Protein backbone atom coordinates (compact mmCIF):
# COMPACT_ATOMS: atom_id res chain seq x y z
CA MET A 1 26.46 7.26 6.34
CA ASN A 2 26.01 11.01 5.84
CA VAL A 3 22.68 11.35 7.71
CA VAL A 4 22.86 13.11 11.05
CA ASN A 5 20.46 14.33 13.72
CA ARG A 6 20.69 16.98 16.46
CA MET A 7 23.30 19.07 14.67
CA PRO A 8 22.97 22.75 13.65
CA VAL A 9 21.69 23.16 10.10
CA ASP A 10 24.69 25.29 9.06
CA ALA A 11 27.19 22.72 10.39
CA VAL A 12 25.39 19.92 8.57
CA ALA A 13 25.45 21.72 5.23
CA ALA A 14 29.10 22.77 5.62
CA ALA A 15 30.20 19.18 6.26
CA GLY A 16 28.32 17.79 3.26
CA LEU A 17 25.90 15.98 5.54
CA VAL A 18 22.11 15.76 5.42
CA GLY A 19 19.54 15.74 8.20
CA LEU A 20 16.75 13.26 8.91
CA GLU A 21 14.43 15.38 6.78
CA CYS A 22 16.35 14.44 3.59
CA ALA A 23 13.81 13.22 1.04
CA SER A 24 16.08 12.37 -1.89
CA TYR A 25 17.85 9.06 -2.45
CA ALA A 26 20.40 10.92 -4.58
CA HIS A 27 21.67 12.79 -1.51
CA LEU A 28 22.27 9.68 0.59
CA ARG A 29 25.64 7.96 0.93
CA LEU A 30 25.25 4.44 2.24
CA HIS A 31 27.49 2.60 4.65
CA SER A 32 29.25 -0.55 3.53
CA ASN A 33 30.55 -3.41 5.66
CA GLU A 34 34.03 -1.91 5.33
CA THR A 35 33.04 1.58 6.55
CA ILE A 36 31.23 0.12 9.57
CA PHE A 37 34.20 -2.06 10.52
CA ALA A 38 36.48 0.97 10.06
CA MET A 39 34.44 2.80 12.73
CA VAL A 40 34.66 -0.24 15.00
CA ASP A 41 38.45 -0.32 14.56
CA ALA A 42 38.68 3.41 15.30
CA LEU A 43 36.77 2.90 18.56
CA ILE A 44 39.01 -0.03 19.54
CA GLU A 45 42.13 2.01 18.80
CA GLY A 46 40.86 5.15 20.51
CA HIS A 47 39.58 3.53 23.68
CA GLY A 48 41.93 4.30 26.57
CA THR A 49 44.24 6.43 24.41
CA MET A 50 42.01 9.41 23.55
CA ASP A 51 40.69 12.16 25.77
CA PRO A 52 37.38 10.84 27.25
CA ASP A 53 35.40 13.83 25.94
CA GLU A 54 36.83 13.45 22.44
CA PHE A 55 36.15 9.70 22.55
CA ALA A 56 32.54 10.35 23.60
CA GLU A 57 32.16 12.77 20.66
CA MET A 58 33.54 10.13 18.29
CA GLU A 59 31.00 7.58 19.63
CA GLN A 60 28.23 10.09 19.05
CA ALA A 61 29.46 10.89 15.53
CA PHE A 62 29.62 7.17 14.68
CA GLY A 63 26.28 6.42 16.33
CA MET A 64 28.00 3.49 18.01
CA LYS A 65 29.13 2.72 21.55
CA TYR A 66 32.38 0.98 22.43
CA GLU A 67 31.29 -2.51 23.55
CA PRO A 68 34.32 -4.85 23.60
CA HIS A 69 32.13 -7.96 24.06
CA ALA A 70 29.65 -7.07 21.30
CA LEU A 71 29.52 -9.13 18.10
CA LEU A 72 30.88 -6.35 15.88
CA PHE A 73 33.97 -6.04 18.07
CA ASN A 74 34.84 -9.75 17.75
CA GLN A 75 37.50 -10.08 15.06
CA CYS A 76 36.84 -13.81 14.60
CA LEU A 77 33.23 -13.19 13.54
CA ARG A 78 33.92 -10.71 10.76
CA GLN A 79 33.79 -13.37 8.07
CA PHE A 80 30.25 -14.26 9.18
CA ILE A 81 28.71 -10.98 10.34
CA LEU A 82 28.27 -8.36 7.62
CA PRO A 83 26.56 -5.45 9.38
CA SER A 84 25.54 -3.55 6.25
CA ASP A 85 24.27 -6.59 4.32
CA HIS A 86 22.59 -8.27 7.28
CA LEU A 87 20.71 -5.25 8.62
CA LEU A 88 17.06 -5.51 7.57
CA GLN A 89 14.60 -2.65 7.99
CA ASP A 90 11.19 -4.17 8.69
CA PRO A 91 8.45 -2.05 7.04
CA MET A 92 5.85 -3.08 9.63
CA HIS A 93 7.83 -1.70 12.58
CA ILE A 94 8.86 1.38 10.61
CA LEU A 95 5.36 2.22 9.43
CA ALA A 96 2.85 0.92 11.95
CA ASN A 97 4.53 0.09 15.28
CA ASP A 98 4.76 3.58 16.77
CA GLY A 99 5.96 4.44 13.29
CA VAL A 100 5.37 6.88 10.47
CA ALA A 101 1.70 5.90 10.04
CA ASN A 102 0.96 6.38 13.75
CA THR A 103 2.54 9.83 13.70
CA GLN A 104 0.95 10.91 10.44
CA CYS A 105 -2.52 9.76 11.53
CA ALA A 106 -2.18 11.92 14.65
CA CYS A 107 -0.97 14.88 12.58
CA VAL A 108 -3.87 14.59 10.14
CA LEU A 109 -6.45 14.22 12.92
CA THR A 110 -5.00 17.36 14.52
CA ALA A 111 -5.26 19.20 11.20
CA LEU A 112 -8.89 18.03 10.84
CA VAL A 113 -9.70 19.39 14.31
CA ALA A 114 -8.26 22.76 13.26
CA CYS A 115 -10.74 22.71 10.36
CA GLY A 116 -13.67 21.87 12.63
CA ILE A 117 -13.77 18.10 12.06
CA GLY A 118 -13.18 16.15 15.28
CA PRO A 119 -12.07 12.53 15.79
CA ASP A 120 -15.70 11.54 16.42
CA HIS A 121 -16.51 12.23 12.77
CA VAL A 122 -13.80 9.80 11.68
CA LYS A 123 -14.84 7.28 14.35
CA ASN A 124 -18.51 7.32 13.28
CA TYR A 125 -17.51 6.83 9.65
CA ALA A 126 -15.13 3.99 10.55
CA LEU A 127 -17.88 2.16 12.47
CA ARG A 128 -19.83 1.84 9.23
CA PHE A 129 -17.17 -0.49 7.82
CA THR A 130 -17.12 -4.26 7.88
CA LEU A 131 -13.57 -5.60 7.90
CA PRO A 132 -12.28 -8.89 6.53
CA LYS A 133 -12.78 -11.49 9.23
CA LYS A 134 -9.05 -12.01 9.59
CA HIS A 135 -8.80 -8.35 10.72
CA GLY A 136 -11.57 -8.49 13.32
CA ALA A 137 -13.98 -5.57 13.70
CA VAL A 138 -13.69 -1.80 13.90
CA ASP A 139 -13.38 -0.60 17.49
CA ALA A 140 -14.91 2.71 18.58
CA THR A 141 -11.76 3.56 20.57
CA TRP A 142 -9.43 3.54 17.55
CA PHE A 143 -9.89 7.23 16.82
CA SER A 144 -10.60 8.41 20.38
CA LYS A 145 -8.78 11.45 21.76
CA SER A 146 -7.21 9.33 24.50
CA ARG A 147 -5.16 7.43 21.89
CA ILE A 148 -3.56 10.60 20.53
CA SER A 149 -0.37 11.64 22.29
CA ASN A 150 0.05 15.36 21.60
CA ASN A 151 3.56 15.64 23.02
CA LYS A 152 4.89 12.79 20.85
CA MET A 153 2.25 13.32 18.13
CA THR A 154 1.38 9.68 17.62
CA ILE A 155 -1.62 7.36 17.83
CA SER A 156 -1.17 4.49 20.25
CA SER A 157 -2.19 1.40 18.28
CA PHE A 158 -0.84 -2.02 17.37
CA ALA A 159 0.23 -2.61 13.78
CA GLY A 160 -2.68 -5.02 13.32
CA ILE A 161 -5.06 -2.13 14.04
CA MET A 162 -3.17 0.30 11.79
CA ILE A 163 -3.70 -2.12 8.89
CA SER A 164 -7.41 -1.25 9.11
CA MET A 165 -7.20 2.35 10.33
CA VAL A 166 -5.08 3.73 7.49
CA PRO A 167 -7.35 2.59 4.59
CA ILE A 168 -10.49 3.84 6.37
CA MET A 169 -8.89 7.18 7.16
CA ALA A 170 -7.68 7.57 3.55
CA THR A 171 -11.23 6.89 2.34
CA PHE A 172 -12.63 9.40 4.84
CA LEU A 173 -10.24 12.11 3.64
CA THR A 174 -11.13 11.59 -0.03
CA THR A 175 -14.90 11.11 0.24
CA GLN A 176 -16.32 12.56 3.45
CA ILE A 177 -14.98 16.05 4.11
CA PRO A 178 -16.59 19.19 2.63
CA PRO A 179 -15.03 20.75 -0.51
CA LEU A 180 -13.74 23.84 1.32
CA VAL A 181 -12.02 21.73 3.98
CA ARG A 182 -10.68 19.39 1.31
CA GLU A 183 -9.17 22.38 -0.47
CA ALA A 184 -7.62 23.71 2.73
CA MET A 185 -6.18 20.28 3.56
CA ALA A 186 -5.14 19.34 0.02
CA ASP A 187 -1.47 18.82 0.91
CA HIS A 188 -2.31 16.87 4.09
CA ILE A 189 -4.60 14.58 2.08
CA GLN A 190 -2.07 14.08 -0.71
CA CYS A 191 0.69 13.25 1.77
CA PHE A 192 -1.55 10.73 3.53
CA LEU A 193 -2.46 9.11 0.20
CA TYR A 194 1.26 8.72 -0.54
CA LEU A 195 1.64 6.92 2.81
CA TYR A 196 -1.39 4.72 2.13
CA ARG A 197 -0.12 3.73 -1.31
CA ILE A 198 3.32 2.90 0.12
CA MET A 199 1.67 0.61 2.66
CA GLN A 200 -0.56 -0.98 0.01
CA LEU A 201 2.43 -1.86 -2.17
CA ILE A 202 4.25 -3.43 0.78
CA TRP A 203 1.08 -5.38 1.69
CA LEU A 204 1.26 -7.09 -1.72
CA GLY A 205 3.74 -9.54 -0.22
CA PRO A 206 7.34 -10.64 -0.70
CA ASP A 207 7.12 -11.35 -4.43
CA ASP A 208 4.30 -9.19 -5.83
CA ALA A 209 5.66 -6.04 -4.16
CA MET A 210 8.92 -6.41 -6.08
CA ARG A 211 7.11 -5.54 -9.33
CA TYR A 212 6.51 -2.06 -7.90
CA ILE A 213 9.92 -1.33 -6.38
CA ASP A 214 10.49 1.70 -8.65
CA ASP A 215 7.01 3.04 -7.88
CA LEU A 216 7.68 2.52 -4.17
CA LYS A 217 10.90 4.51 -4.39
CA ARG A 218 9.13 7.40 -6.15
CA LEU A 219 6.27 7.35 -3.64
CA ILE A 220 8.65 7.45 -0.66
CA GLU A 221 10.51 10.44 -2.10
CA ALA A 222 7.24 12.28 -2.86
CA HIS A 223 5.87 11.45 0.59
CA HIS A 224 9.00 12.57 2.43
CA ALA A 225 9.27 15.85 0.49
CA LEU A 226 5.69 16.79 1.39
CA TYR A 227 5.82 15.38 4.94
CA SER A 228 8.94 17.39 5.85
CA THR A 229 7.14 20.55 4.73
CA LEU A 230 3.90 19.82 6.59
CA TYR A 231 5.23 18.27 9.80
CA PRO A 232 8.85 19.46 10.29
CA ASP A 233 8.60 19.09 14.08
CA PHE A 234 7.69 15.39 13.87
CA ILE A 235 10.45 13.94 11.72
CA LYS A 236 11.59 10.85 13.60
CA PRO A 237 14.30 8.26 12.85
CA LYS A 238 11.71 5.84 11.43
CA TYR A 239 10.88 8.47 8.80
CA HIS A 240 14.44 8.09 7.50
CA LYS A 241 14.50 4.30 7.94
CA MET A 242 11.57 4.06 5.55
CA MET A 243 13.95 5.00 2.73
CA HIS A 244 16.06 1.92 3.43
CA VAL A 245 13.14 -0.45 2.84
CA VAL A 246 13.78 -0.13 -0.90
CA HIS A 247 17.49 -0.87 -0.41
CA ASN A 248 16.66 -4.08 1.47
CA MET A 249 14.20 -5.12 -1.24
CA ALA A 250 16.80 -4.57 -3.96
CA TYR A 251 19.41 -6.56 -2.01
CA LEU A 252 17.17 -9.51 -1.04
CA LYS A 253 14.97 -9.54 -4.17
CA LYS A 254 12.10 -9.93 -1.69
CA CYS A 255 9.95 -7.58 0.35
CA LEU A 256 10.18 -9.06 3.85
CA THR A 257 7.84 -7.68 6.49
CA CYS A 258 6.16 -8.64 9.75
CA PHE A 259 2.72 -7.37 8.70
CA ALA A 260 1.28 -10.87 8.19
CA THR A 261 2.68 -12.24 11.45
CA GLU A 262 1.52 -9.19 13.42
CA ARG A 263 -2.08 -10.33 12.93
CA LYS A 264 -1.25 -13.55 14.80
CA HIS A 265 -0.77 -11.59 18.04
CA ARG A 266 -4.51 -11.70 18.64
CA THR A 267 -4.31 -15.51 18.60
CA ALA A 268 -1.90 -15.46 21.55
CA LYS A 269 -3.94 -12.77 23.31
CA ARG A 270 -7.08 -14.86 22.95
CA ALA A 271 -5.32 -17.83 24.53
CA ALA A 272 -4.05 -15.66 27.41
CA LEU A 273 -7.31 -13.83 28.09
CA TYR A 274 -8.43 -15.83 31.15
CA VAL A 275 -5.06 -17.15 32.34
CA PHE A 276 -3.82 -15.71 35.62
CA ARG A 277 -1.07 -18.17 36.66
CA HIS A 278 1.79 -19.74 34.66
CA ILE A 279 0.75 -17.66 31.66
CA GLU A 280 3.73 -18.57 29.44
CA SER A 281 3.46 -22.36 29.73
CA THR A 282 -0.35 -22.32 29.59
CA VAL A 283 -0.48 -20.17 26.45
CA VAL A 284 2.22 -22.22 24.71
CA ALA A 285 0.41 -25.47 25.55
CA ASP A 286 -2.87 -24.05 24.26
CA LEU A 287 -1.33 -22.83 20.99
CA VAL A 288 0.47 -26.13 20.39
CA ASP A 289 -2.80 -27.98 21.00
CA LYS A 290 -4.61 -25.69 18.54
CA GLN A 291 -1.88 -26.16 15.94
CA CYS A 292 -1.98 -29.96 16.26
CA THR A 293 -5.78 -29.88 15.93
CA ASN A 294 -5.47 -27.74 12.80
CA MET A 295 -2.96 -30.15 11.27
CA ILE A 296 -5.26 -33.09 11.97
CA ASN A 297 -8.04 -31.17 10.19
CA GLY A 298 -5.87 -30.70 7.11
CA MET A 299 -4.38 -27.24 7.73
CA ASN A 300 -0.87 -27.79 6.40
CA LEU A 301 1.58 -25.02 7.23
CA PHE A 302 3.64 -25.82 4.13
CA GLU A 303 0.84 -25.52 1.57
CA THR A 304 -0.09 -22.22 -0.03
CA ASN A 305 -3.75 -23.09 -0.67
CA PHE A 306 -5.98 -25.44 1.31
CA LEU A 307 -9.50 -25.71 2.66
CA ILE A 308 -10.19 -25.40 6.39
CA THR A 309 -12.23 -28.28 7.90
CA PRO A 310 -13.90 -29.23 4.61
CA ASP A 311 -16.98 -31.45 4.30
CA VAL A 312 -17.04 -34.28 1.75
CA VAL A 313 -20.01 -33.65 -0.56
CA LEU A 314 -19.47 -36.42 -3.09
CA GLU A 315 -16.96 -39.25 -3.27
CA ASP A 316 -16.29 -42.13 -5.66
CA ALA A 317 -13.28 -43.86 -7.19
CA HIS A 318 -12.09 -40.79 -9.12
CA LEU A 319 -13.70 -37.91 -7.28
CA SER A 320 -13.64 -36.51 -3.78
CA LEU A 321 -15.62 -33.27 -3.92
CA GLN A 322 -15.09 -31.17 -0.80
CA ARG A 323 -16.75 -27.95 0.35
CA ALA A 324 -15.60 -25.51 3.06
CA ASN A 325 -16.59 -22.17 4.49
CA ALA A 326 -12.99 -20.98 4.79
CA ALA A 327 -9.71 -21.41 2.95
CA VAL A 328 -6.10 -20.34 3.33
CA LEU A 329 -4.83 -18.65 0.16
CA ARG A 330 -1.75 -16.63 -0.72
CA CYS A 331 -3.42 -13.50 0.65
CA GLY A 332 -4.23 -15.18 3.97
CA GLU A 333 -7.35 -16.77 5.42
CA ILE A 334 -10.58 -15.98 3.59
CA LYS A 335 -13.94 -16.92 5.10
CA ARG A 336 -17.55 -17.21 4.01
CA LYS A 337 -19.31 -13.81 3.81
CA ASP A 338 -16.00 -12.00 3.33
CA VAL A 339 -16.20 -9.49 0.49
CA VAL A 340 -13.27 -10.16 -1.84
CA CYS A 341 -11.70 -8.52 -4.83
CA LEU A 342 -10.43 -10.72 -7.67
CA LYS A 343 -9.23 -10.47 -11.24
CA SER A 344 -11.14 -12.45 -13.86
CA ASP A 345 -10.58 -12.12 -17.60
CA HIS A 346 -8.63 -8.88 -17.07
CA ARG A 347 -11.50 -7.25 -15.19
CA ILE A 348 -12.06 -6.61 -11.50
CA VAL A 349 -14.77 -8.56 -9.69
CA VAL A 350 -16.01 -7.69 -6.20
CA GLY A 351 -18.36 -10.04 -4.40
CA GLU A 352 -19.22 -12.06 -1.30
CA VAL A 353 -17.73 -15.49 -0.70
CA VAL A 354 -20.33 -18.28 -0.58
CA ALA A 355 -18.07 -21.33 -0.29
CA PHE A 356 -14.83 -22.94 -1.44
CA TRP A 357 -14.67 -26.21 -3.42
CA CYS A 358 -11.96 -28.65 -4.39
CA ASN A 359 -11.46 -32.16 -5.72
CA ALA A 360 -9.19 -33.77 -3.12
CA ALA A 361 -8.66 -36.77 -5.41
CA ALA A 362 -6.93 -34.55 -7.97
CA ASN A 363 -4.20 -33.81 -5.43
CA ASP A 364 -3.25 -30.56 -7.19
CA ASN A 365 -4.25 -28.00 -4.52
CA SER A 366 -6.64 -26.30 -6.96
CA ILE A 367 -9.51 -24.52 -5.21
CA ILE A 368 -12.64 -22.99 -6.71
CA ALA A 369 -14.30 -20.02 -5.02
CA GLN A 370 -18.07 -19.67 -5.25
CA ILE A 371 -18.80 -15.93 -5.32
CA ASN A 372 -21.92 -13.79 -5.31
CA ALA A 373 -20.53 -11.14 -7.66
CA TYR A 374 -21.76 -7.56 -7.32
CA ARG A 375 -22.53 -5.25 -10.23
CA GLU A 376 -20.47 -2.17 -11.08
CA THR A 377 -22.41 1.05 -10.64
CA GLY A 378 -20.56 2.88 -13.39
CA GLU A 379 -20.22 5.96 -11.15
CA ASP A 380 -17.09 5.07 -9.18
CA ASP A 381 -15.02 1.88 -9.41
CA ALA A 382 -15.12 1.66 -5.59
CA LEU A 383 -18.94 1.54 -5.56
CA TRP A 384 -20.72 -1.78 -6.18
CA ASP A 385 -24.40 -2.69 -6.29
CA TYR A 386 -24.97 -5.75 -4.09
CA ARG A 387 -28.66 -6.19 -4.98
CA GLU A 388 -29.35 -9.24 -7.14
CA PRO A 389 -25.75 -10.53 -7.18
CA ARG A 390 -24.66 -12.91 -9.93
CA GLN A 391 -23.44 -16.31 -8.73
CA SER A 392 -20.12 -17.25 -10.30
CA PHE A 393 -17.21 -19.63 -9.83
CA HIS A 394 -13.56 -18.58 -10.02
CA SER A 395 -10.17 -20.09 -9.39
CA ALA A 396 -9.21 -19.12 -5.84
CA ILE A 397 -5.78 -17.96 -7.03
CA ALA A 398 -7.57 -15.06 -8.75
CA ILE A 399 -8.58 -13.64 -5.36
CA ILE A 400 -6.41 -10.63 -4.54
CA ASP A 401 -7.67 -10.18 -0.98
CA ALA A 402 -10.67 -9.60 1.23
CA VAL A 403 -11.58 -5.92 1.34
CA PRO A 404 -13.11 -3.56 3.93
CA HIS A 405 -16.51 -2.28 2.83
CA ALA A 406 -19.35 -0.07 4.02
CA VAL A 407 -22.87 0.69 2.81
CA GLU A 408 -22.69 3.93 0.82
CA THR A 409 -26.33 4.26 -0.21
CA GLU A 410 -29.25 1.86 -0.34
CA GLY A 411 -28.11 -1.25 -2.19
CA VAL A 412 -24.61 0.09 -2.86
CA ILE A 413 -21.39 -0.58 -0.95
CA ARG A 414 -18.03 1.18 -1.05
CA ALA A 415 -15.18 -1.33 -1.24
CA ILE A 416 -11.66 -0.18 -0.42
CA LEU A 417 -9.66 -1.57 -3.34
CA GLN A 418 -5.90 -1.72 -3.81
CA PHE A 419 -4.99 1.54 -5.58
CA THR A 420 -3.14 -0.26 -8.42
CA LEU A 421 -6.51 -1.81 -9.36
CA ARG A 422 -8.42 1.47 -9.47
CA LYS A 423 -9.19 2.95 -12.87
CA LYS A 424 -7.21 6.06 -13.66
CA LYS A 425 -9.47 9.07 -13.96
């Protein structure tokens, strides 16, 4: 409640307020339901009785317009609507929908250009990567100059694209630029790695992310302190909103985000691609038809793990052995030839999916993943030798996620692993 924007620095400090650039949770004073309703009551009382200019200043100070027919102004609804408790800050929209990641990517690309490294260098490196099939493929236009808006300093991209752009760009910054440039851009790189790690923790999902809530808070403070120093002209409201993600997590005991559902946009776009009349009804009908077909083929929306269109390999009175090229797991849909990262016997395994197996007769939703496991190179825990892979079988619940990867040298790939899995050096 003490964060303001567009006020002189001296006036802000004198009033005990802080600006959007505030990077410390200790300096924030949060609104409660009572303080918000007190502002509503002040607007109701002041409307028609105060000088119009003074009333307009009060609206600006509160960050709230007088709207007599709005929900907050309805006295009967106050027992149901709790504005402070019910306001959720969605990390996906804050970070990747014209958010902090879009702005910071543009800032870093601009800094790279100043050091003699253009967007084409990043683009050519990105095109080497193979993405998990659920993320599509790298597009050459992602890092093009036309996507960078210099006046707003942002990259125009959907959140589904940013999910892939940010990890690739973080890898580029840490592995591909010359030592002298890396030294000159050390703070830019560190700030971007903070952002990437924040996004990785949120990507862990509603439950797993909660184990890292303290780490997330520390990362956000470290990121904001460095960001406000590097890019003071591009501090936007979403930069501040990012701090409230932790508050929502603590209140809900869950990390709720739209990142997973954002990927489904391409499903609707695919259905609408060649529709030119009655687009809404045609797309809805197509999606409903697809969903019914999926349900007939055993894709149950209410199950965490299941095979997609499995084939029966062997069946008798006590066994129904099924095999499939794709499965839906906690981390999303994983397909054959995806490169996955999993934990087995307290060690990290990276390998290519061959198939998924289950015994349908057991009726316990247990799935076994057949993996061609790669060998560690011993040089870097992100580098894996894919020559002569070792065939192995693992419980599918051990799979953390499919990972982007690119050929580093002959016979060796670089896999982009979750940073909490990387060995500390």
